[in-house]
Amino acid sequence: MKIKDIIDLPLPGLKESLEYGISEAEYLGKEFIGITLLNGDGIILHVNPYSDEIIEAYLMTIKQNSEKRLIGVFKYEGGNTYFIYEITDLVDYINRLTNERVVYVEVIKDVLEDFLLNAVAR
């Protein structure tokens, strides 16, 4: 899937966050973009920033969900525990976020980046 396949979906702030995130990921040579939603959940995009390709998408949340495939459990040092699940249909998932908006975007690095690289390599 390409970034252009989701950039115009009806999630407020998505277009701007993707444009900034891909640009920053390309500049830094990173593979993961984190998009934080108003409800506190995050969408993690595993991307190839040089081809604007989305390799995989994940949901990062504090809530357990037995209906989704668990990728891993990440605990920030001295902080919250997050469950990371695979998103199998990103377009459908974003289209169902009717009362949400993007509040923050960042290129994922450091400890979470290392965790994700190990988790997706399995």
PDB file of N, CA and C in Angstrom:
ATOM      1  N   MET A   1       0.845  -1.168   0.000  1.00  0.00           N
ATOM      2  CA  MET A   1       0.000   0.000   0.000  1.00  0.00           C
ATOM      3  C   MET A   1       0.896   1.239   0.000  1.00  0.00           C
ATOM      4  N   LYS A   2       0.455   2.259  -0.674  1.00  0.00           N
ATOM      5  CA  LYS A   2       1.181   3.523  -0.756  1.00  0.00           C
ATOM      6  C   LYS A   2       0.530   4.563   0.164  1.00  0.00           C
ATOM      7  N   ILE A   3       1.314   5.543   0.548  1.00  0.00           N
ATOM      8  CA  ILE A   3       0.804   6.652   1.366  1.00  0.00           C
ATOM      9  C   ILE A   3      -0.373   7.319   0.659  1.00  0.00           C
ATOM     10  N   LYS A   4      -0.292   7.464  -0.664  1.00  0.00           N
ATOM     11  CA  LYS A   4      -1.364   8.127  -1.419  1.00  0.00           C
ATOM     12  C   LYS A   4      -2.700   7.397  -1.290  1.00  0.00           C
ATOM     13  N   ASP A   5      -2.672   6.112  -0.926  1.00  0.00           N
ATOM     14  CA  ASP A   5      -3.906   5.341  -0.768  1.00  0.00           C
ATOM     15  C   ASP A   5      -4.685   5.726   0.483  1.00  0.00           C
ATOM     16  N   ILE A   6      -4.018   6.364   1.443  1.00  0.00           N
ATOM     17  CA  ILE A   6      -4.714   6.725   2.685  1.00  0.00           C
ATOM     18  C   ILE A   6      -4.685   8.216   2.995  1.00  0.00           C
ATOM     19  N   ILE A   7      -3.890   8.993   2.265  1.00  0.00           N
ATOM     20  CA  ILE A   7      -3.656  10.389   2.641  1.00  0.00           C
ATOM     21  C   ILE A   7      -4.924  11.246   2.612  1.00  0.00           C
ATOM     22  N   ASP A   8      -5.886  10.905   1.774  1.00  0.00           N
ATOM     23  CA  ASP A   8      -7.104  11.708   1.676  1.00  0.00           C
ATOM     24  C   ASP A   8      -8.300  11.104   2.406  1.00  0.00           C
ATOM     25  N   LEU A   9      -8.055  10.119   3.259  1.00  0.00           N
ATOM     26  CA  LEU A   9      -9.156   9.551   4.045  1.00  0.00           C
ATOM     27  C   LEU A   9      -9.661  10.582   5.045  1.00  0.00           C
ATOM     28  N   PRO A  10     -10.934  10.463   5.457  1.00  0.00           N
ATOM     29  CA  PRO A  10     -11.573  11.514   6.265  1.00  0.00           C
ATOM     30  C   PRO A  10     -11.224  11.486   7.755  1.00  0.00           C
ATOM     31  N   LEU A  11      -9.943  11.548   8.072  1.00  0.00           N
ATOM     32  CA  LEU A  11      -9.498  11.649   9.455  1.00  0.00           C
ATOM     33  C   LEU A  11      -8.789  12.992   9.594  1.00  0.00           C
ATOM     34  N   PRO A  12      -9.373  13.927  10.340  1.00  0.00           N
ATOM     35  CA  PRO A  12      -8.761  15.253  10.470  1.00  0.00           C
ATOM     36  C   PRO A  12      -7.311  15.173  10.949  1.00  0.00           C
ATOM     37  N   GLY A  13      -6.442  15.871  10.227  1.00  0.00           N
ATOM     38  CA  GLY A  13      -5.028  15.917  10.569  1.00  0.00           C
ATOM     39  C   GLY A  13      -4.185  14.827   9.936  1.00  0.00           C
ATOM     40  N   LEU A  14      -4.825  13.854   9.284  1.00  0.00           N
ATOM     41  CA  LEU A  14      -4.080  12.729   8.710  1.00  0.00           C
ATOM     42  C   LEU A  14      -3.149  13.175   7.590  1.00  0.00           C
ATOM     43  N   LYS A  15      -3.657  13.969   6.671  1.00  0.00           N
ATOM     44  CA  LYS A  15      -2.850  14.387   5.520  1.00  0.00           C
ATOM     45  C   LYS A  15      -1.585  15.107   5.971  1.00  0.00           C
ATOM     46  N   GLU A  16      -1.736  16.073   6.860  1.00  0.00           N
ATOM     47  CA  GLU A  16      -0.588  16.848   7.328  1.00  0.00           C
ATOM     48  C   GLU A  16       0.405  15.972   8.092  1.00  0.00           C
ATOM     49  N   SER A  17      -0.122  15.062   8.903  1.00  0.00           N
ATOM     50  CA  SER A  17       0.764  14.197   9.689  1.00  0.00           C
ATOM     51  C   SER A  17       1.540  13.241   8.786  1.00  0.00           C
ATOM     52  N   LEU A  18       0.902  12.732   7.747  1.00  0.00           N
ATOM     53  CA  LEU A  18       1.600  11.840   6.821  1.00  0.00           C
ATOM     54  C   LEU A  18       2.664  12.586   6.023  1.00  0.00           C
ATOM     55  N   GLU A  19       2.327  13.783   5.561  1.00  0.00           N
ATOM     56  CA  GLU A  19       3.300  14.567   4.798  1.00  0.00           C
ATOM     57  C   GLU A  19       4.529  14.875   5.646  1.00  0.00           C
ATOM     58  N   TYR A  20       4.301  15.327   6.872  1.00  0.00           N
ATOM     59  CA  TYR A  20       5.413  15.642   7.766  1.00  0.00           C
ATOM     60  C   TYR A  20       6.171  14.371   8.161  1.00  0.00           C
ATOM     61  N   GLY A  21       5.442  13.333   8.536  1.00  0.00           N
ATOM     62  CA  GLY A  21       6.058  12.099   9.004  1.00  0.00           C
ATOM     63  C   GLY A  21       6.939  11.441   7.958  1.00  0.00           C
ATOM     64  N   ILE A  22       6.463  11.349   6.734  1.00  0.00           N
ATOM     65  CA  ILE A  22       7.251  10.736   5.658  1.00  0.00           C
ATOM     66  C   ILE A  22       8.491  11.569   5.361  1.00  0.00           C
ATOM     67  N   SER A  23       8.324  12.873   5.319  1.00  0.00           N
ATOM     68  CA  SER A  23       9.459  13.759   5.063  1.00  0.00           C
ATOM     69  C   SER A  23      10.532  13.609   6.138  1.00  0.00           C
ATOM     70  N   GLU A  24      10.108  13.596   7.390  1.00  0.00           N
ATOM     71  CA  GLU A  24      11.036  13.466   8.514  1.00  0.00           C
ATOM     72  C   GLU A  24      11.678  12.073   8.542  1.00  0.00           C
ATOM     73  N   ALA A  25      10.900  11.037   8.253  1.00  0.00           N
ATOM     74  CA  ALA A  25      11.442   9.671   8.221  1.00  0.00           C
ATOM     75  C   ALA A  25      12.499   9.535   7.126  1.00  0.00           C
ATOM     76  N   GLU A  26      12.239  10.135   5.987  1.00  0.00           N
ATOM     77  CA  GLU A  26      13.223  10.092   4.900  1.00  0.00           C
ATOM     78  C   GLU A  26      14.497  10.827   5.312  1.00  0.00           C
ATOM     79  N   TYR A  27      14.346  11.998   5.896  1.00  0.00           N
ATOM     80  CA  TYR A  27      15.502  12.794   6.326  1.00  0.00           C
ATOM     81  C   TYR A  27      16.345  12.045   7.361  1.00  0.00           C
ATOM     82  N   LEU A  28      15.672  11.377   8.303  1.00  0.00           N
ATOM     83  CA  LEU A  28      16.370  10.677   9.386  1.00  0.00           C
ATOM     84  C   LEU A  28      16.743   9.231   9.043  1.00  0.00           C
ATOM     85  N   GLY A  29      16.219   8.725   7.924  1.00  0.00           N
ATOM     86  CA  GLY A  29      16.483   7.340   7.553  1.00  0.00           C
ATOM     87  C   GLY A  29      15.784   6.347   8.467  1.00  0.00           C
ATOM     88  N   LYS A  30      14.568   6.678   8.908  1.00  0.00           N
ATOM     89  CA  LYS A  30      13.819   5.837   9.848  1.00  0.00           C
ATOM     90  C   LYS A  30      12.663   5.141   9.140  1.00  0.00           C
ATOM     91  N   GLU A  31      12.154   4.065   9.777  1.00  0.00           N
ATOM     92  CA  GLU A  31      11.120   3.228   9.164  1.00  0.00           C
ATOM     93  C   GLU A  31       9.753   3.309   9.830  1.00  0.00           C
ATOM     94  N   PHE A  32       9.646   3.948  10.991  1.00  0.00           N
ATOM     95  CA  PHE A  32       8.379   3.936  11.721  1.00  0.00           C
ATOM     96  C   PHE A  32       7.889   5.353  11.988  1.00  0.00           C
ATOM     97  N   ILE A  33       6.610   5.571  11.696  1.00  0.00           N
ATOM     98  CA  ILE A  33       5.953   6.844  11.987  1.00  0.00           C
ATOM     99  C   ILE A  33       4.841   6.559  12.982  1.00  0.00           C
ATOM    100  N   GLY A  34       4.778   7.342  14.038  1.00  0.00           N
ATOM    101  CA  GLY A  34       3.729   7.205  15.043  1.00  0.00           C
ATOM    102  C   GLY A  34       2.735   8.339  14.937  1.00  0.00           C
ATOM    103  N   ILE A  35       1.468   7.994  14.845  1.00  0.00           N
ATOM    104  CA  ILE A  35       0.389   8.980  14.761  1.00  0.00           C
ATOM    105  C   ILE A  35      -0.494   8.792  15.983  1.00  0.00           C
ATOM    106  N   THR A  36      -0.587   9.827  16.816  1.00  0.00           N
ATOM    107  CA  THR A  36      -1.395   9.744  18.032  1.00  0.00           C
ATOM    108  C   THR A  36      -2.774  10.328  17.768  1.00  0.00           C
ATOM    109  N   LEU A  37      -3.797   9.589  18.184  1.00  0.00           N
ATOM    110  CA  LEU A  37      -5.186  10.017  18.021  1.00  0.00           C
ATOM    111  C   LEU A  37      -5.684  10.699  19.289  1.00  0.00           C
ATOM    112  N   LEU A  38      -6.780  11.411  19.166  1.00  0.00           N
ATOM    113  CA  LEU A  38      -7.383  12.134  20.285  1.00  0.00           C
ATOM    114  C   LEU A  38      -7.688  11.217  21.466  1.00  0.00           C
ATOM    115  N   ASN A  39      -8.066   9.966  21.208  1.00  0.00           N
ATOM    116  CA  ASN A  39      -8.406   9.032  22.291  1.00  0.00           C
ATOM    117  C   ASN A  39      -7.176   8.430  22.975  1.00  0.00           C
ATOM    118  N   GLY A  40      -5.978   8.803  22.525  1.00  0.00           N
ATOM    119  CA  GLY A  40      -4.747   8.305  23.129  1.00  0.00           C
ATOM    120  C   GLY A  40      -4.146   7.102  22.436  1.00  0.00           C
ATOM    121  N   ASP A  41      -4.910   6.450  21.572  1.00  0.00           N
ATOM    122  CA  ASP A  41      -4.369   5.332  20.805  1.00  0.00           C
ATOM    123  C   ASP A  41      -3.405   5.861  19.749  1.00  0.00           C
ATOM    124  N   GLY A  42      -2.548   4.977  19.274  1.00  0.00           N
ATOM    125  CA  GLY A  42      -1.612   5.366  18.236  1.00  0.00           C
ATOM    126  C   GLY A  42      -1.669   4.421  17.060  1.00  0.00           C
ATOM    127  N   ILE A  43      -1.448   4.966  15.892  1.00  0.00           N
ATOM    128  CA  ILE A  43      -1.279   4.168  14.686  1.00  0.00           C
ATOM    129  C   ILE A  43       0.201   4.238  14.347  1.00  0.00           C
ATOM    130  N   ILE A  44       0.825   3.082  14.252  1.00  0.00           N
ATOM    131  CA  ILE A  44       2.233   3.016  13.879  1.00  0.00           C
ATOM    132  C   ILE A  44       2.300   2.525  12.441  1.00  0.00           C
ATOM    133  N   LEU A  45       2.954   3.302  11.605  1.00  0.00           N
ATOM    134  CA  LEU A  45       3.137   2.906  10.218  1.00  0.00           C
ATOM    135  C   LEU A  45       4.585   2.491  10.009  1.00  0.00           C
ATOM    136  N   HIS A  46       4.783   1.266   9.544  1.00  0.00           N
ATOM    137  CA  HIS A  46       6.108   0.788   9.148  1.00  0.00           C
ATOM    138  C   HIS A  46       6.217   1.128   7.675  1.00  0.00           C
ATOM    139  N   VAL A  47       7.118   2.038   7.334  1.00  0.00           N
ATOM    140  CA  VAL A  47       7.162   2.589   5.985  1.00  0.00           C
ATOM    141  C   VAL A  47       8.538   2.445   5.352  1.00  0.00           C
ATOM    142  N   ASN A  48       8.543   2.520   4.041  1.00  0.00           N
ATOM    143  CA  ASN A  48       9.763   2.784   3.292  1.00  0.00           C
ATOM    144  C   ASN A  48       9.622   4.236   2.850  1.00  0.00           C
ATOM    145  N   PRO A  49      10.292   5.173   3.530  1.00  0.00           N
ATOM    146  CA  PRO A  49      10.065   6.586   3.236  1.00  0.00           C
ATOM    147  C   PRO A  49      10.581   7.017   1.866  1.00  0.00           C
ATOM    148  N   TYR A  50      11.426   6.216   1.249  1.00  0.00           N
ATOM    149  CA  TYR A  50      11.985   6.577  -0.051  1.00  0.00           C
ATOM    150  C   TYR A  50      11.049   6.222  -1.201  1.00  0.00           C
ATOM    151  N   SER A  51      10.122   5.294  -0.962  1.00  0.00           N
ATOM    152  CA  SER A  51       9.157   4.923  -2.000  1.00  0.00           C
ATOM    153  C   SER A  51       7.727   5.250  -1.584  1.00  0.00           C
ATOM    154  N   ASP A  52       7.562   5.886  -0.412  1.00  0.00           N
ATOM    155  CA  ASP A  52       6.235   6.224   0.130  1.00  0.00           C
ATOM    156  C   ASP A  52       5.346   4.993   0.278  1.00  0.00           C
ATOM    157  N   GLU A  53       5.953   3.866   0.567  1.00  0.00           N
ATOM    158  CA  GLU A  53       5.218   2.616   0.735  1.00  0.00           C
ATOM    159  C   GLU A  53       4.967   2.334   2.212  1.00  0.00           C
ATOM    160  N   ILE A  54       3.748   1.885   2.519  1.00  0.00           N
ATOM    161  CA  ILE A  54       3.416   1.418   3.862  1.00  0.00           C
ATOM    162  C   ILE A  54       3.600  -0.094   3.855  1.00  0.00           C
ATOM    163  N   ILE A  55       4.529  -0.565   4.668  1.00  0.00           N
ATOM    164  CA  ILE A  55       4.829  -1.995   4.729  1.00  0.00           C
ATOM    165  C   ILE A  55       3.823  -2.710   5.623  1.00  0.00           C
ATOM    166  N   GLU A  56       3.590  -2.149   6.798  1.00  0.00           N
ATOM    167  CA  GLU A  56       2.637  -2.697   7.770  1.00  0.00           C
ATOM    168  C   GLU A  56       2.068  -1.548   8.586  1.00  0.00           C
ATOM    169  N   ALA A  57       0.955  -1.814   9.261  1.00  0.00           N
ATOM    170  CA  ALA A  57       0.352  -0.832  10.164  1.00  0.00           C
ATOM    171  C   ALA A  57      -0.019  -1.532  11.465  1.00  0.00           C
ATOM    172  N   TYR A  58       0.131  -0.805  12.558  1.00  0.00           N
ATOM    173  CA  TYR A  58      -0.113  -1.361  13.890  1.00  0.00           C
ATOM    174  C   TYR A  58      -0.916  -0.379  14.732  1.00  0.00           C
ATOM    175  N   LEU A  59      -1.669  -0.927  15.665  1.00  0.00           N
ATOM    176  CA  LEU A  59      -2.394  -0.149  16.661  1.00  0.00           C
ATOM    177  C   LEU A  59      -1.638  -0.261  17.972  1.00  0.00           C
ATOM    178  N   MET A  60      -1.347   0.871  18.599  1.00  0.00           N
ATOM    179  CA  MET A  60      -0.687   0.889  19.907  1.00  0.00           C
ATOM    180  C   MET A  60      -1.678   1.475  20.899  1.00  0.00           C
ATOM    181  N   THR A  61      -2.056   0.677  21.900  1.00  0.00           N
ATOM    182  CA  THR A  61      -3.115   1.073  22.811  1.00  0.00           C
ATOM    183  C   THR A  61      -2.866   0.505  24.206  1.00  0.00           C
ATOM    184  N   ILE A  62      -3.487   1.114  25.202  1.00  0.00           N
ATOM    185  CA  ILE A  62      -3.384   0.573  26.562  1.00  0.00           C
ATOM    186  C   ILE A  62      -4.443  -0.495  26.804  1.00  0.00           C
ATOM    187  N   LYS A  63      -5.368  -0.666  25.831  1.00  0.00           N
ATOM    188  CA  LYS A  63      -6.463  -1.628  25.980  1.00  0.00           C
ATOM    189  C   LYS A  63      -6.106  -2.969  25.334  1.00  0.00           C
ATOM    190  N   GLN A  64      -6.470  -4.048  26.008  1.00  0.00           N
ATOM    191  CA  GLN A  64      -6.295  -5.372  25.418  1.00  0.00           C
ATOM    192  C   GLN A  64      -7.420  -5.631  24.426  1.00  0.00           C
ATOM    193  N   ASN A  65      -7.101  -6.368  23.358  1.00  0.00           N
ATOM    194  CA  ASN A  65      -8.077  -6.667  22.322  1.00  0.00           C
ATOM    195  C   ASN A  65      -7.816  -8.080  21.807  1.00  0.00           C
ATOM    196  N   SER A  66      -8.647  -9.013  22.214  1.00  0.00           N
ATOM    197  CA  SER A  66      -8.444 -10.413  21.828  1.00  0.00           C
ATOM    198  C   SER A  66      -8.818 -10.693  20.373  1.00  0.00           C
ATOM    199  N   GLU A  67      -9.433  -9.719  19.696  1.00  0.00           N
ATOM    200  CA  GLU A  67      -9.840  -9.926  18.309  1.00  0.00           C
ATOM    201  C   GLU A  67      -8.737  -9.586  17.310  1.00  0.00           C
ATOM    202  N   LYS A  68      -7.716  -8.893  17.755  1.00  0.00           N
ATOM    203  CA  LYS A  68      -6.628  -8.509  16.864  1.00  0.00           C
ATOM    204  C   LYS A  68      -5.380  -9.337  17.168  1.00  0.00           C
ATOM    205  N   ARG A  69      -4.507  -9.459  16.172  1.00  0.00           N
ATOM    206  CA  ARG A  69      -3.252 -10.209  16.344  1.00  0.00           C
ATOM    207  C   ARG A  69      -2.245  -9.350  17.108  1.00  0.00           C
ATOM    208  N   LEU A  70      -1.831  -9.847  18.260  1.00  0.00           N
ATOM    209  CA  LEU A  70      -0.885  -9.136  19.114  1.00  0.00           C
ATOM    210  C   LEU A  70       0.525  -9.271  18.545  1.00  0.00           C
ATOM    211  N   ILE A  71       1.181  -8.139  18.362  1.00  0.00           N
ATOM    212  CA  ILE A  71       2.563  -8.114  17.889  1.00  0.00           C
ATOM    213  C   ILE A  71       3.522  -8.129  19.066  1.00  0.00           C
ATOM    214  N   GLY A  72       3.143  -7.411  20.136  1.00  0.00           N
ATOM    215  CA  GLY A  72       3.998  -7.360  21.314  1.00  0.00           C
ATOM    216  C   GLY A  72       3.410  -6.464  22.382  1.00  0.00           C
ATOM    217  N   VAL A  73       4.015  -6.516  23.558  1.00  0.00           N
ATOM    218  CA  VAL A  73       3.618  -5.673  24.685  1.00  0.00           C
ATOM    219  C   VAL A  73       4.830  -4.818  25.031  1.00  0.00           C
ATOM    220  N   PHE A  74       4.646  -3.504  24.987  1.00  0.00           N
ATOM    221  CA  PHE A  74       5.745  -2.568  25.222  1.00  0.00           C
ATOM    222  C   PHE A  74       5.465  -1.771  26.483  1.00  0.00           C
ATOM    223  N   LYS A  75       6.454  -1.718  27.364  1.00  0.00           N
ATOM    224  CA  LYS A  75       6.311  -0.955  28.599  1.00  0.00           C
ATOM    225  C   LYS A  75       7.388   0.114  28.639  1.00  0.00           C
ATOM    226  N   TYR A  76       6.926   1.368  28.692  1.00  0.00           N
ATOM    227  CA  TYR A  76       7.872   2.462  28.868  1.00  0.00           C
ATOM    228  C   TYR A  76       8.452   2.379  30.263  1.00  0.00           C
ATOM    229  N   GLU A  77       9.734   2.634  30.395  1.00  0.00           N
ATOM    230  CA  GLU A  77      10.387   2.578  31.697  1.00  0.00           C
ATOM    231  C   GLU A  77       9.705   3.561  32.644  1.00  0.00           C
ATOM    232  N   GLY A  78       9.127   3.017  33.723  1.00  0.00           N
ATOM    233  CA  GLY A  78       8.424   3.852  34.689  1.00  0.00           C
ATOM    234  C   GLY A  78       7.105   4.405  34.184  1.00  0.00           C
ATOM    235  N   GLY A  79       6.586   3.834  33.097  1.00  0.00           N
ATOM    236  CA  GLY A  79       5.367   4.372  32.503  1.00  0.00           C
ATOM    237  C   GLY A  79       4.333   3.319  32.184  1.00  0.00           C
ATOM    238  N   ASN A  80       3.510   3.640  31.223  1.00  0.00           N
ATOM    239  CA  ASN A  80       2.394   2.781  30.833  1.00  0.00           C
ATOM    240  C   ASN A  80       2.846   1.554  30.049  1.00  0.00           C
ATOM    241  N   THR A  81       1.983   0.553  30.073  1.00  0.00           N
ATOM    242  CA  THR A  81       2.154  -0.641  29.258  1.00  0.00           C
ATOM    243  C   THR A  81       1.229  -0.519  28.056  1.00  0.00           C
ATOM    244  N   TYR A  82       1.765  -0.778  26.869  1.00  0.00           N
ATOM    245  CA  TYR A  82       0.993  -0.673  25.635  1.00  0.00           C
ATOM    246  C   TYR A  82       0.968  -2.017  24.918  1.00  0.00           C
ATOM    247  N   PHE A  83      -0.170  -2.316  24.335  1.00  0.00           N
ATOM    248  CA  PHE A  83      -0.344  -3.504  23.511  1.00  0.00           C
ATOM    249  C   PHE A  83      -0.261  -3.049  22.058  1.00  0.00           C
ATOM    250  N   ILE A  84       0.506  -3.772  21.269  1.00  0.00           N
ATOM    251  CA  ILE A  84       0.673  -3.416  19.864  1.00  0.00           C
ATOM    252  C   ILE A  84       0.079  -4.536  19.022  1.00  0.00           C
ATOM    253  N   TYR A  85      -0.914  -4.156  18.208  1.00  0.00           N
ATOM    254  CA  TYR A  85      -1.662  -5.111  17.395  1.00  0.00           C
ATOM    255  C   TYR A  85      -1.489  -4.798  15.912  1.00  0.00           C
ATOM    256  N   GLU A  86      -1.582  -5.829  15.107  1.00  0.00           N
ATOM    257  CA  GLU A  86      -1.541  -5.659  13.661  1.00  0.00           C
ATOM    258  C   GLU A  86      -2.873  -5.087  13.172  1.00  0.00           C
ATOM    259  N   ILE A  87      -2.807  -4.124  12.271  1.00  0.00           N
ATOM    260  CA  ILE A  87      -3.995  -3.619  11.576  1.00  0.00           C
ATOM    261  C   ILE A  87      -3.964  -4.257  10.190  1.00  0.00           C
ATOM    262  N   THR A  88      -4.939  -5.112   9.905  1.00  0.00           N
ATOM    263  CA  THR A  88      -4.918  -5.850   8.637  1.00  0.00           C
ATOM    264  C   THR A  88      -5.497  -5.048   7.474  1.00  0.00           C
ATOM    265  N   ASP A  89      -6.453  -4.165   7.733  1.00  0.00           N
ATOM    266  CA  ASP A  89      -7.045  -3.332   6.683  1.00  0.00           C
ATOM    267  C   ASP A  89      -7.000  -1.884   7.160  1.00  0.00           C
ATOM    268  N   LEU A  90      -5.931  -1.192   6.806  1.00  0.00           N
ATOM    269  CA  LEU A  90      -5.709   0.169   7.297  1.00  0.00           C
ATOM    270  C   LEU A  90      -6.773   1.145   6.807  1.00  0.00           C
ATOM    271  N   VAL A  91      -7.177   1.035   5.559  1.00  0.00           N
ATOM    272  CA  VAL A  91      -8.202   1.940   5.022  1.00  0.00           C
ATOM    273  C   VAL A  91      -9.498   1.791   5.806  1.00  0.00           C
ATOM    274  N   ASP A  92      -9.933   0.569   6.015  1.00  0.00           N
ATOM    275  CA  ASP A  92     -11.156   0.320   6.784  1.00  0.00           C
ATOM    276  C   ASP A  92     -11.011   0.824   8.219  1.00  0.00           C
ATOM    277  N   TYR A  93      -9.872   0.564   8.830  1.00  0.00           N
ATOM    278  CA  TYR A  93      -9.652   1.003  10.212  1.00  0.00           C
ATOM    279  C   TYR A  93      -9.756   2.527  10.320  1.00  0.00           C
ATOM    280  N   ILE A  94      -9.092   3.245   9.434  1.00  0.00           N
ATOM    281  CA  ILE A  94      -9.139   4.712   9.474  1.00  0.00           C
ATOM    282  C   ILE A  94     -10.547   5.211   9.187  1.00  0.00           C
ATOM    283  N   ASN A  95     -11.233   4.608   8.247  1.00  0.00           N
ATOM    284  CA  ASN A  95     -12.603   5.032   7.926  1.00  0.00           C
ATOM    285  C   ASN A  95     -13.557   4.856   9.104  1.00  0.00           C
ATOM    286  N   ARG A  96     -13.259   3.929  10.016  1.00  0.00           N
ATOM    287  CA  ARG A  96     -14.122   3.722  11.186  1.00  0.00           C
ATOM    288  C   ARG A  96     -13.821   4.701  12.322  1.00  0.00           C
ATOM    289  N   LEU A  97     -12.796   5.508  12.203  1.00  0.00           N
ATOM    290  CA  LEU A  97     -12.435   6.477  13.245  1.00  0.00           C
ATOM    291  C   LEU A  97     -13.224   7.771  13.055  1.00  0.00           C
ATOM    292  N   THR A  98     -14.531   7.675  13.168  1.00  0.00           N
ATOM    293  CA  THR A  98     -15.399   8.804  12.836  1.00  0.00           C
ATOM    294  C   THR A  98     -15.341   9.952  13.831  1.00  0.00           C
ATOM    295  N   ASN A  99     -15.055   9.687  15.090  1.00  0.00           N
ATOM    296  CA  ASN A  99     -15.024  10.753  16.097  1.00  0.00           C
ATOM    297  C   ASN A  99     -13.608  11.065  16.559  1.00  0.00           C
ATOM    298  N   GLU A 100     -12.637  10.762  15.745  1.00  0.00           N
ATOM    299  CA  GLU A 100     -11.235  10.951  16.113  1.00  0.00           C
ATOM    300  C   GLU A 100     -10.585  12.006  15.240  1.00  0.00           C
ATOM    301  N   ARG A 101      -9.391  12.408  15.671  1.00  0.00           N
ATOM    302  CA  ARG A 101      -8.540  13.266  14.857  1.00  0.00           C
ATOM    303  C   ARG A 101      -7.100  13.020  15.282  1.00  0.00           C
ATOM    304  N   VAL A 102      -6.187  13.358  14.418  1.00  0.00           N
ATOM    305  CA  VAL A 102      -4.768  13.228  14.724  1.00  0.00           C
ATOM    306  C   VAL A 102      -4.359  14.411  15.590  1.00  0.00           C
ATOM    307  N   VAL A 103      -3.688  14.120  16.708  1.00  0.00           N
ATOM    308  CA  VAL A 103      -3.234  15.199  17.586  1.00  0.00           C
ATOM    309  C   VAL A 103      -1.715  15.328  17.608  1.00  0.00           C
ATOM    310  N   TYR A 104      -1.003  14.311  17.118  1.00  0.00           N
ATOM    311  CA  TYR A 104       0.458  14.352  17.184  1.00  0.00           C
ATOM    312  C   TYR A 104       1.043  13.341  16.207  1.00  0.00           C
ATOM    313  N   VAL A 105       2.186  13.669  15.658  1.00  0.00           N
ATOM    314  CA  VAL A 105       2.912  12.735  14.787  1.00  0.00           C
ATOM    315  C   VAL A 105       4.395  12.829  15.117  1.00  0.00           C
ATOM    316  N   GLU A 106       5.067  11.686  15.054  1.00  0.00           N
ATOM    317  CA  GLU A 106       6.512  11.686  15.272  1.00  0.00           C
ATOM    318  C   GLU A 106       7.139  10.494  14.567  1.00  0.00           C
ATOM    319  N   VAL A 107       8.402  10.650  14.243  1.00  0.00           N
ATOM    320  CA  VAL A 107       9.185   9.523  13.761  1.00  0.00           C
ATOM    321  C   VAL A 107       9.617   8.747  14.993  1.00  0.00           C
ATOM    322  N   ILE A 108       9.380   7.458  14.980  1.00  0.00           N
ATOM    323  CA  ILE A 108       9.685   6.617  16.145  1.00  0.00           C
ATOM    324  C   ILE A 108      11.162   6.247  16.121  1.00  0.00           C
ATOM    325  N   LYS A 109      11.793   6.413  17.278  1.00  0.00           N
ATOM    326  CA  LYS A 109      13.219   6.111  17.396  1.00  0.00           C
ATOM    327  C   LYS A 109      13.513   5.541  18.775  1.00  0.00           C
ATOM    328  N   ASP A 110      14.762   5.289  19.035  1.00  0.00           N
ATOM    329  CA  ASP A 110      15.253   4.827  20.334  1.00  0.00           C
ATOM    330  C   ASP A 110      14.643   3.481  20.744  1.00  0.00           C
ATOM    331  N   VAL A 111      14.208   3.372  21.995  1.00  0.00           N
ATOM    332  CA  VAL A 111      13.789   2.091  22.575  1.00  0.00           C
ATOM    333  C   VAL A 111      12.576   1.503  21.846  1.00  0.00           C
ATOM    334  N   LEU A 112      11.579   2.323  21.543  1.00  0.00           N
ATOM    335  CA  LEU A 112      10.400   1.808  20.843  1.00  0.00           C
ATOM    336  C   LEU A 112      10.766   1.349  19.435  1.00  0.00           C
ATOM    337  N   GLU A 113      11.624   2.067  18.757  1.00  0.00           N
ATOM    338  CA  GLU A 113      12.063   1.652  17.424  1.00  0.00           C
ATOM    339  C   GLU A 113      12.759   0.287  17.488  1.00  0.00           C
ATOM    340  N   ASP A 114      13.653   0.120  18.446  1.00  0.00           N
ATOM    341  CA  ASP A 114      14.341  -1.167  18.607  1.00  0.00           C
ATOM    342  C   ASP A 114      13.350  -2.294  18.879  1.00  0.00           C
ATOM    343  N   PHE A 115      12.376  -2.021  19.750  1.00  0.00           N
ATOM    344  CA  PHE A 115      11.348  -3.011  20.070  1.00  0.00           C
ATOM    345  C   PHE A 115      10.575  -3.407  18.809  1.00  0.00           C
ATOM    346  N   LEU A 116      10.152  -2.412  18.033  1.00  0.00           N
ATOM    347  CA  LEU A 116       9.367  -2.688  16.828  1.00  0.00           C
ATOM    348  C   LEU A 116      10.182  -3.455  15.790  1.00  0.00           C
ATOM    349  N   LEU A 117      11.430  -3.082  15.608  1.00  0.00           N
ATOM    350  CA  LEU A 117      12.271  -3.804  14.650  1.00  0.00           C
ATOM    351  C   LEU A 117      12.396  -5.275  15.030  1.00  0.00           C
ATOM    352  N   ASN A 118      12.551  -5.547  16.315  1.00  0.00           N
ATOM    353  CA  ASN A 118      12.625  -6.936  16.777  1.00  0.00           C
ATOM    354  C   ASN A 118      11.284  -7.643  16.650  1.00  0.00           C
ATOM    355  N   ALA A 119      10.200  -6.957  16.969  1.00  0.00           N
ATOM    356  CA  ALA A 119       8.866  -7.570  16.930  1.00  0.00           C
ATOM    357  C   ALA A 119       8.451  -7.926  15.509  1.00  0.00           C
ATOM    358  N   VAL A 120       8.720  -7.051  14.550  1.00  0.00           N
ATOM    359  CA  VAL A 120       8.290  -7.330  13.180  1.00  0.00           C
ATOM    360  C   VAL A 120       9.221  -8.309  12.475  1.00  0.00           C
ATOM    361  N   ALA A 121      10.411  -8.519  13.008  1.00  0.00           N
ATOM    362  CA  ALA A 121      11.343  -9.479  12.415  1.00  0.00           C
ATOM    363  C   ALA A 121      10.957 -10.923  12.729  1.00  0.00           C
ATOM    364  N   ARG A 122      10.082 -11.121  13.707  1.00  0.00           N
ATOM    365  CA  ARG A 122       9.675 -12.486  14.100  1.00  0.00           C
ATOM    366  C   ARG A 122       8.712 -13.088  13.123  1.00  0.00           C
TER     367      ARG A 122
END
